[in-house]
């Protein structure tokens, strides 16, 4: 419960604000703009970051480490030693899994090829994925109907296929897909399942960034490597390890780099991509924007605070006689100080509340124009309120202190 003295100061502050509404509005504007700037800036940044996180969750999570050929290998700009290497192979995936031990929850390899794909309804060149164990969950794919590859399918290079939703609609428009024959290159395969459609729009009305994944035709990796390419070394284009523990990820990354380099005759013809580390780097860069938004809010609060000091000093000159009268009937300088501080902080609270409403509206308008869902963290509101309170308190000190030091006799004689 509020003490009687504090309640009385609040009532007096409210009366003063209400009776001098124009002056009070001018004092609150700086707080409103500062709070709205901080809250709006943080919320817009958080909304974009949240959308990016949603995207990475959709593609299988952040706790993954990818190893794949480096850019020079992909482009064919390699030296003699690198040309003599076999490149990234299934052996690298097996050795990496043994190195990580229990810290690795899943390992998946992938081999990409271009092939002519034919059915009674369509004949097209398509990207075909040769997938190893755990590829589906690590890439975020789910079966809509039919079944996934069994361990026997993968181990025996069974001629079976899984189709993305777009591929299924293209090659089997009748809707009867499972059990149908699909010729991939010169290999007839049996379709055993269809993936759920992958949909993600960074902007709510934008293009589906997963549309290309719905075109996938997926075969067992061994079927692609051995039967379709005659590759006894089981070369792959990417190996993915799922490692939830961040410390284990850091330790494993260093060990894996040494292991694969040794397998590749000390040639660094590969690169490691820690997805979580990449996100952390992006977030650290995003902190720069948060700092800019906070600085803009601080500058608005600073400007508003300076205006408030001038207005409060002008108000004090108008109220000197009232202050002297209070002190003459027994009010101490401390009570006068508390009264001025209470009024200033009440204005700050009211301006902060209006600033939060303004910040929410501003954030909603901006994110709606960007076609991105609005996401606001409680910490953004806390930062905005703390900054407003701190500046409101600091800039109220001097006028309140000056009022508390007035002489009652001189104040009563002031005209």
Protein backbone atom coordinates (compact mmCIF):
# COMPACT_ATOMS: atom_id res chain seq x y z
CA UNK A 1 0.00 0.00 0.00
CA UNK A 2 1.13 3.57 -0.68
CA UNK A 3 1.99 5.68 2.34
CA UNK A 4 -0.22 8.70 3.06
CA UNK A 5 2.54 11.21 2.27
CA UNK A 6 3.42 9.54 -1.03
CA UNK A 7 -0.23 9.29 -2.04
CA UNK A 8 -0.65 12.99 -1.31
CA UNK A 9 2.40 13.84 -3.44
CA UNK A 10 1.00 11.75 -6.29
CA UNK A 11 -2.36 13.51 -6.06
CA UNK A 12 -0.68 16.94 -6.06
CA UNK A 13 1.51 15.92 -9.02
CA UNK A 14 -1.53 14.72 -10.95
CA UNK A 15 -3.38 17.96 -10.28
CA UNK A 16 -0.36 19.99 -11.43
CA UNK A 17 -0.05 17.91 -14.63
CA UNK A 18 -3.76 18.17 -15.40
CA UNK A 19 -3.93 21.91 -14.78
CA UNK A 20 -0.87 22.55 -16.96
CA UNK A 21 -1.62 20.02 -19.68
CA UNK A 22 0.18 21.79 -22.52
CA UNK A 23 3.40 22.09 -20.55
CA UNK A 24 3.11 18.50 -19.36
CA UNK A 25 2.64 17.21 -22.92
CA UNK A 26 5.80 19.02 -24.03
CA UNK A 27 7.70 17.42 -21.16
CA UNK A 28 6.42 13.95 -22.04
CA UNK A 29 7.12 14.11 -25.78
CA UNK A 30 10.83 13.39 -25.38
CA UNK A 31 10.07 10.33 -23.25
CA UNK A 32 7.45 9.11 -25.74
CA UNK A 33 9.83 9.40 -28.70
CA UNK A 34 12.74 7.81 -26.85
CA UNK A 35 10.76 4.82 -25.60
CA UNK A 36 9.08 4.32 -28.99
CA UNK A 37 12.47 4.45 -30.74
CA UNK A 38 14.08 1.86 -28.46
CA UNK A 39 11.09 -0.47 -28.39
CA UNK A 40 10.37 -0.16 -32.11
CA UNK A 41 13.99 -0.69 -33.14
CA UNK A 42 14.44 -3.74 -30.91
CA UNK A 43 11.14 -5.26 -31.99
CA UNK A 44 11.82 -4.89 -35.71
CA UNK A 45 15.28 -6.44 -35.26
CA UNK A 46 13.86 -9.26 -33.11
CA UNK A 47 11.10 -9.96 -35.64
CA UNK A 48 13.60 -10.39 -38.48
CA UNK A 49 15.88 -12.53 -36.31
CA UNK A 50 12.97 -14.71 -35.18
CA UNK A 51 11.96 -15.29 -38.79
CA UNK A 52 15.51 -16.38 -39.63
CA UNK A 53 15.50 -18.79 -36.68
CA UNK A 54 12.19 -20.25 -37.88
CA UNK A 55 13.78 -20.87 -41.26
CA UNK A 56 16.74 -22.77 -39.78
CA UNK A 57 14.43 -24.83 -37.58
CA UNK A 58 12.46 -25.77 -40.70
CA UNK A 59 15.60 -27.07 -42.39
CA UNK A 60 16.45 -29.37 -39.52
CA UNK A 61 17.73 -27.22 -36.66
CA UNK A 62 20.81 -25.23 -35.72
CA UNK A 63 22.88 -27.94 -34.02
CA UNK A 64 24.51 -29.21 -37.21
CA UNK A 65 28.02 -29.32 -38.63
CA UNK A 66 28.35 -29.71 -42.40
CA UNK A 67 31.46 -30.78 -44.27
CA UNK A 68 31.59 -30.32 -48.03
CA UNK A 69 34.08 -29.63 -50.84
CA UNK A 70 35.47 -26.10 -50.79
CA UNK A 71 34.74 -23.55 -53.50
CA UNK A 72 37.90 -24.24 -55.52
CA UNK A 73 37.06 -27.93 -55.77
CA UNK A 74 33.50 -27.21 -56.85
CA UNK A 75 34.72 -24.79 -59.51
CA UNK A 76 37.45 -27.19 -60.70
CA UNK A 77 40.37 -24.90 -59.74
CA UNK A 78 42.47 -27.55 -58.06
CA UNK A 79 46.12 -28.52 -57.96
CA UNK A 80 47.73 -31.85 -58.79
CA UNK A 81 47.61 -33.19 -55.21
CA UNK A 82 43.99 -32.28 -54.81
CA UNK A 83 43.19 -33.83 -58.19
CA UNK A 84 44.77 -37.07 -57.00
CA UNK A 85 42.45 -37.18 -53.98
CA UNK A 86 39.17 -38.99 -54.02
CA UNK A 87 37.44 -36.01 -52.45
CA UNK A 88 34.81 -36.27 -49.76
CA UNK A 89 33.70 -39.89 -49.30
CA UNK A 90 31.51 -42.07 -47.14
CA UNK A 91 34.68 -43.02 -45.23
CA UNK A 92 34.96 -39.43 -43.96
CA UNK A 93 31.41 -39.71 -42.58
CA UNK A 94 32.18 -43.03 -40.86
CA UNK A 95 35.48 -41.82 -39.40
CA UNK A 96 33.84 -38.59 -38.21
CA UNK A 97 31.05 -40.50 -36.48
CA UNK A 98 33.59 -42.68 -34.68
CA UNK A 99 35.53 -39.57 -33.65
CA UNK A 100 32.46 -37.84 -32.21
CA UNK A 101 31.24 -40.92 -30.37
CA UNK A 102 28.15 -40.46 -28.21
CA UNK A 103 28.16 -36.70 -28.79
CA UNK A 104 26.82 -37.25 -32.32
CA UNK A 105 23.09 -37.94 -32.45
CA UNK A 106 22.89 -38.46 -36.20
CA UNK A 107 25.03 -38.49 -39.35
CA UNK A 108 23.82 -38.04 -42.90
CA UNK A 109 25.60 -38.05 -46.26
CA UNK A 110 24.31 -36.72 -49.54
CA UNK A 111 25.26 -37.19 -53.20
CA UNK A 112 23.75 -34.90 -55.84
CA UNK A 113 23.45 -35.79 -59.53
CA UNK A 114 21.54 -34.55 -62.54
CA UNK A 115 19.56 -37.26 -64.31
CA UNK A 116 16.85 -37.75 -66.85
CA UNK A 117 13.68 -38.79 -65.02
CA UNK A 118 10.78 -40.44 -66.84
CA UNK A 119 7.28 -41.62 -66.07
CA UNK A 120 4.27 -42.24 -68.33
CA UNK A 121 3.25 -38.59 -67.77
CA UNK A 122 6.55 -36.64 -67.83
CA UNK A 123 10.13 -36.71 -69.08
CA UNK A 124 12.45 -34.13 -67.46
CA UNK A 125 16.01 -33.53 -66.32
CA UNK A 126 15.95 -33.29 -62.53
CA UNK A 127 18.28 -32.98 -59.57
CA UNK A 128 18.45 -36.34 -57.85
CA UNK A 129 19.62 -36.75 -54.26
CA UNK A 130 21.42 -39.86 -53.11
CA UNK A 131 20.62 -39.91 -49.38
CA UNK A 132 22.24 -41.81 -46.55
CA UNK A 133 20.88 -42.74 -43.14
CA UNK A 134 19.40 -39.90 -41.04
CA UNK A 135 19.21 -37.61 -44.08
CA UNK A 136 15.46 -37.07 -43.77
CA UNK A 137 15.30 -35.82 -40.14
CA UNK A 138 18.49 -33.78 -40.49
CA UNK A 139 17.04 -31.97 -43.51
CA UNK A 140 13.59 -31.58 -41.96
CA UNK A 141 11.71 -33.88 -44.36
CA UNK A 142 8.64 -35.88 -43.31
CA UNK A 143 6.67 -38.56 -45.13
CA UNK A 144 3.10 -37.61 -46.05
CA UNK A 145 2.14 -41.05 -47.30
CA UNK A 146 3.98 -44.24 -48.08
CA UNK A 147 7.15 -45.05 -46.14
CA UNK A 148 10.74 -43.89 -45.77
CA UNK A 149 13.86 -45.85 -46.71
CA UNK A 150 14.53 -48.86 -44.51
CA UNK A 151 18.01 -49.79 -43.34
CA UNK A 152 17.88 -52.68 -45.84
CA UNK A 153 17.03 -50.28 -48.69
CA UNK A 154 20.08 -48.16 -47.86
CA UNK A 155 22.47 -51.06 -47.30
CA UNK A 156 21.45 -53.03 -50.43
CA UNK A 157 21.11 -50.02 -52.79
CA UNK A 158 17.50 -50.96 -53.41
CA UNK A 159 15.92 -49.35 -56.52
CA UNK A 160 13.35 -47.33 -54.56
CA UNK A 161 12.55 -43.60 -54.60
CA UNK A 162 10.99 -40.87 -52.47
CA UNK A 163 9.42 -37.86 -54.16
CA UNK A 164 8.84 -34.27 -53.14
CA UNK A 165 5.27 -33.02 -53.43
CA UNK A 166 5.93 -31.10 -56.67
CA UNK A 167 7.81 -34.01 -58.22
CA UNK A 168 4.97 -36.38 -57.33
CA UNK A 169 2.38 -34.05 -58.92
CA UNK A 170 4.53 -33.65 -62.06
CA UNK A 171 5.40 -37.27 -62.74
CA UNK A 172 2.16 -38.82 -61.44
CA UNK A 173 -0.63 -36.25 -61.84
CA UNK A 174 -3.28 -38.94 -61.39
CA UNK A 175 -2.48 -38.93 -57.66
CA UNK A 176 -1.56 -42.62 -57.55
CA UNK A 177 2.12 -42.40 -56.70
CA UNK A 178 3.19 -45.11 -54.24
CA UNK A 179 4.03 -48.33 -56.05
CA UNK A 180 4.49 -46.65 -59.43
CA UNK A 181 7.66 -47.07 -61.51
CA UNK A 182 9.90 -44.07 -62.11
CA UNK A 183 12.92 -44.38 -64.38
CA UNK A 184 15.88 -42.35 -63.11
CA UNK A 185 18.60 -42.37 -65.74
CA UNK A 186 18.66 -45.96 -66.90
CA UNK A 187 17.51 -47.36 -63.54
CA UNK A 188 13.83 -48.21 -63.01
CA UNK A 189 12.83 -47.44 -59.42
CA UNK A 190 9.69 -48.00 -57.39
CA UNK A 191 8.20 -45.01 -55.60
CA UNK A 192 7.66 -45.94 -51.94
CA UNK A 193 6.74 -42.57 -50.42
CA UNK A 194 5.99 -38.89 -50.90
CA UNK A 195 7.30 -36.09 -48.70
CA UNK A 196 5.05 -33.56 -47.05
CA UNK A 197 5.07 -30.29 -48.92
CA UNK A 198 7.76 -27.95 -47.61
CA UNK A 199 6.47 -24.41 -47.18
CA UNK A 200 8.22 -21.42 -45.68
CA UNK A 201 7.72 -17.81 -46.62
CA UNK A 202 10.11 -15.33 -45.03
CA UNK A 203 7.50 -12.73 -45.88
CA UNK A 204 3.98 -13.95 -45.25
CA UNK A 205 2.88 -13.29 -48.84
CA UNK A 206 6.26 -13.90 -50.42
CA UNK A 207 7.57 -16.81 -52.43
CA UNK A 208 7.97 -20.23 -50.89
CA UNK A 209 11.72 -20.49 -50.24
CA UNK A 210 11.37 -24.28 -50.03
CA UNK A 211 9.75 -24.67 -53.44
CA UNK A 212 12.94 -26.18 -54.88
CA UNK A 213 12.99 -28.83 -52.14
CA UNK A 214 9.54 -30.01 -53.19
CA UNK A 215 11.12 -30.96 -56.56
CA UNK A 216 13.48 -33.49 -54.94
CA UNK A 217 13.74 -37.06 -56.13
CA UNK A 218 15.60 -39.04 -53.48
CA UNK A 219 17.26 -42.42 -53.92
CA UNK A 220 19.48 -44.48 -51.58
CA UNK A 221 23.01 -43.08 -51.71
CA UNK A 222 24.57 -46.44 -52.63
CA UNK A 223 22.20 -46.80 -55.58
CA UNK A 224 23.41 -43.47 -56.97
CA UNK A 225 27.09 -44.03 -56.19
CA UNK A 226 27.59 -47.61 -57.31
CA UNK A 227 24.89 -48.50 -59.81
CA UNK A 228 24.36 -45.13 -61.48
CA UNK A 229 27.91 -43.74 -61.30
CA UNK A 230 30.04 -46.85 -60.84
CA UNK A 231 31.77 -45.21 -57.87
CA UNK A 232 33.41 -47.81 -55.64
CA UNK A 233 34.77 -45.10 -53.29
CA UNK A 234 31.27 -43.80 -52.47
CA UNK A 235 32.01 -40.11 -53.01
CA UNK A 236 29.57 -37.63 -51.46
CA UNK A 237 28.86 -33.94 -51.79
CA UNK A 238 28.09 -33.27 -48.15
CA UNK A 239 28.19 -34.93 -44.75
CA UNK A 240 26.14 -33.56 -41.86
CA UNK A 241 26.63 -34.29 -38.16
CA UNK A 242 24.01 -33.43 -35.53
CA UNK A 243 25.68 -32.39 -32.25
CA UNK A 244 23.43 -30.62 -29.68
CA UNK A 245 26.20 -29.85 -27.15
CA UNK A 246 28.01 -26.61 -28.06
CA UNK A 247 31.23 -27.56 -26.27
CA UNK A 248 31.22 -30.98 -27.92
CA UNK A 249 30.64 -29.22 -31.25
CA UNK A 250 33.69 -27.00 -30.75
CA UNK A 251 35.92 -29.91 -29.73
CA UNK A 252 34.63 -32.11 -32.55
CA UNK A 253 35.16 -29.43 -35.19
CA UNK A 254 38.89 -29.23 -34.51
CA UNK A 255 39.31 -33.00 -34.43
CA UNK A 256 37.26 -33.50 -37.59
CA UNK A 257 39.29 -30.94 -39.49
CA UNK A 258 42.52 -32.82 -38.66
CA UNK A 259 40.99 -36.20 -39.42
CA UNK A 260 39.60 -35.28 -42.84
CA UNK A 261 42.79 -33.44 -43.75
CA UNK A 262 44.75 -36.60 -42.98
CA UNK A 263 42.33 -38.65 -45.10
CA UNK A 264 42.83 -36.18 -47.97
CA UNK A 265 46.63 -36.31 -48.06
CA UNK A 266 46.94 -33.10 -46.01
CA UNK A 267 45.00 -31.15 -48.65
CA UNK A 268 42.31 -28.76 -47.41
CA UNK A 269 39.94 -29.46 -50.27
CA UNK A 270 36.95 -29.27 -47.93
CA UNK A 271 35.28 -26.78 -45.62
CA UNK A 272 33.43 -27.09 -42.35
CA UNK A 273 30.22 -25.16 -41.77
CA UNK A 274 29.00 -24.91 -38.18
CA UNK A 275 25.41 -23.76 -38.67
CA UNK A 276 25.01 -22.56 -35.07
CA UNK A 277 28.29 -20.62 -35.23
CA UNK A 278 27.14 -18.98 -38.46
CA UNK A 279 23.92 -17.93 -36.76
CA UNK A 280 25.84 -16.60 -33.75
CA UNK A 281 28.01 -14.50 -36.06
CA UNK A 282 24.94 -13.13 -37.77
CA UNK A 283 23.41 -12.33 -34.39
CA UNK A 284 26.56 -10.58 -33.20
CA UNK A 285 26.36 -8.42 -36.30
CA UNK A 286 22.70 -7.83 -35.52
CA UNK A 287 23.71 -6.50 -32.11
CA UNK A 288 25.23 -3.54 -33.93
CA UNK A 289 21.75 -2.61 -35.16
CA UNK A 290 20.37 -3.01 -31.65
CA UNK A 291 23.07 -0.64 -30.41
CA UNK A 292 22.14 1.90 -33.08
CA UNK A 293 18.46 1.65 -32.15
CA UNK A 294 19.28 2.08 -28.47
CA UNK A 295 21.54 5.04 -29.23
CA UNK A 296 18.78 6.74 -31.22
CA UNK A 297 16.44 6.23 -28.28
CA UNK A 298 19.03 7.57 -25.84
CA UNK A 299 19.53 10.65 -27.99
CA UNK A 300 15.77 11.24 -28.08
CA UNK A 301 15.59 10.85 -24.31
CA UNK A 302 18.60 13.13 -23.89
CA UNK A 303 17.04 15.84 -26.03
CA UNK A 304 13.72 15.42 -24.26
CA UNK A 305 15.47 15.53 -20.88
CA UNK A 306 17.17 18.83 -21.67
CA UNK A 307 13.83 20.26 -22.75
CA UNK A 308 12.28 18.98 -19.52
CA UNK A 309 14.93 20.70 -17.40
CA UNK A 310 14.22 24.03 -19.07
CA UNK A 311 10.46 23.59 -18.74
CA UNK A 312 10.76 22.57 -15.09
CA UNK A 313 12.97 25.57 -14.31
CA UNK A 314 10.46 27.85 -16.04
CA UNK A 315 7.68 26.14 -14.11
CA UNK A 316 9.60 26.68 -10.88
CA UNK A 317 9.71 30.44 -11.50
CA UNK A 318 5.92 30.39 -11.85
CA UNK A 319 5.50 28.36 -8.68
CA UNK A 320 8.06 30.04 -6.40
CA UNK A 321 5.34 31.73 -4.37
CA UNK A 322 3.48 28.42 -3.85
CA UNK A 323 6.72 26.69 -2.84
CA UNK A 324 7.51 29.47 -0.37
CA UNK A 325 4.01 29.20 1.11
CA UNK A 326 4.44 25.45 1.62
CA UNK A 327 7.79 25.92 3.31
CA UNK A 328 6.41 28.75 5.48
CA UNK A 329 3.70 26.47 6.92
CA UNK A 330 6.21 23.76 7.77
CA UNK A 331 7.16 21.82 4.61
CA UNK A 332 10.85 20.98 4.64
CA UNK A 333 13.21 21.30 1.71
CA UNK A 334 13.20 17.49 1.50
CA UNK A 335 9.42 17.43 1.09
CA UNK A 336 9.63 20.04 -1.68
CA UNK A 337 12.35 17.97 -3.38
CA UNK A 338 10.20 14.83 -3.16
CA UNK A 339 7.20 16.67 -4.58
CA UNK A 340 9.07 17.88 -7.67
CA UNK A 341 10.65 14.45 -8.18
CA UNK A 342 7.28 12.73 -7.87
CA UNK A 343 5.79 15.00 -10.50
CA UNK A 344 8.71 14.43 -12.88
CA UNK A 345 8.67 10.65 -12.43
CA UNK A 346 4.88 10.51 -12.86
CA UNK A 347 5.31 12.34 -16.15
CA UNK A 348 8.04 9.87 -17.10
CA UNK A 349 5.79 6.91 -16.33
CA UNK A 350 2.91 8.38 -18.33
CA UNK A 351 5.23 9.30 -21.22
CA UNK A 352 6.82 5.84 -21.07
CA UNK A 353 3.40 4.14 -21.27
CA UNK A 354 2.44 6.29 -24.25
CA UNK A 355 5.84 5.58 -25.79
CA UNK A 356 5.32 1.83 -25.47
CA UNK A 357 1.94 2.05 -27.18
CA UNK A 358 3.50 4.20 -29.90
CA UNK A 359 6.42 1.76 -30.22
CA UNK A 360 4.08 -1.22 -30.63
CA UNK A 361 2.05 0.60 -33.30
CA UNK A 362 5.23 1.73 -35.07
CA UNK A 363 6.69 -1.81 -34.98
CA UNK A 364 3.45 -3.30 -36.29
CA UNK A 365 3.32 -0.83 -39.18
CA UNK A 366 6.95 -1.48 -40.19
CA UNK A 367 6.76 -5.29 -39.92
CA UNK A 368 3.43 -5.27 -41.76
CA UNK A 369 5.03 -3.26 -44.57
CA UNK A 370 7.87 -5.82 -44.64
CA UNK A 371 5.26 -8.63 -44.57
CA UNK A 372 6.94 -10.23 -41.56
CA UNK A 373 5.15 -11.36 -38.35
CA UNK A 374 5.73 -9.03 -35.41
CA UNK A 375 7.71 -10.54 -32.53
CA UNK A 376 8.34 -8.55 -29.34
CA UNK A 377 10.43 -9.68 -26.38
CA UNK A 378 9.72 -8.68 -22.77
CA UNK A 379 13.34 -7.50 -22.49
CA UNK A 380 12.68 -4.86 -25.17
CA UNK A 381 9.92 -3.34 -23.04
CA UNK A 382 12.19 -3.55 -19.99
CA UNK A 383 15.07 -1.77 -21.73
CA UNK A 384 12.78 1.00 -22.95
CA UNK A 385 11.23 1.50 -19.52
CA UNK A 386 14.57 1.43 -17.67
CA UNK A 387 16.12 4.00 -20.01
CA UNK A 388 13.09 6.26 -19.70
CA UNK A 389 13.10 5.98 -15.91
CA UNK A 390 16.84 6.62 -15.65
CA UNK A 391 16.74 9.75 -17.81
CA UNK A 392 13.55 11.00 -16.17
CA UNK A 393 15.14 10.66 -12.74
CA UNK A 394 18.46 12.26 -13.69
CA UNK A 395 16.98 15.26 -15.45
CA UNK A 396 14.55 15.92 -12.60
CA UNK A 397 17.30 16.16 -9.98
CA UNK A 398 18.53 19.70 -10.68
CA UNK A 399 15.13 21.48 -10.78
CA UNK A 400 13.96 19.56 -7.68
CA UNK A 401 17.19 20.35 -5.83
CA UNK A 402 16.94 24.02 -6.76
CA UNK A 403 13.35 24.17 -5.50
CA UNK A 404 14.32 22.52 -2.22
CA UNK A 405 17.01 25.18 -1.58
CA UNK A 406 14.65 28.15 -1.86
CA UNK A 407 14.37 30.53 1.08
CA UNK A 408 10.75 30.76 2.28
CA UNK A 409 10.95 34.51 2.89
CA UNK A 410 12.47 35.28 -0.51
CA UNK A 411 9.98 32.93 -2.20
CA UNK A 412 7.02 34.68 -0.58
CA UNK A 413 8.31 38.09 -1.70
CA UNK A 414 8.92 36.86 -5.28
CA UNK A 415 6.66 38.49 -7.88
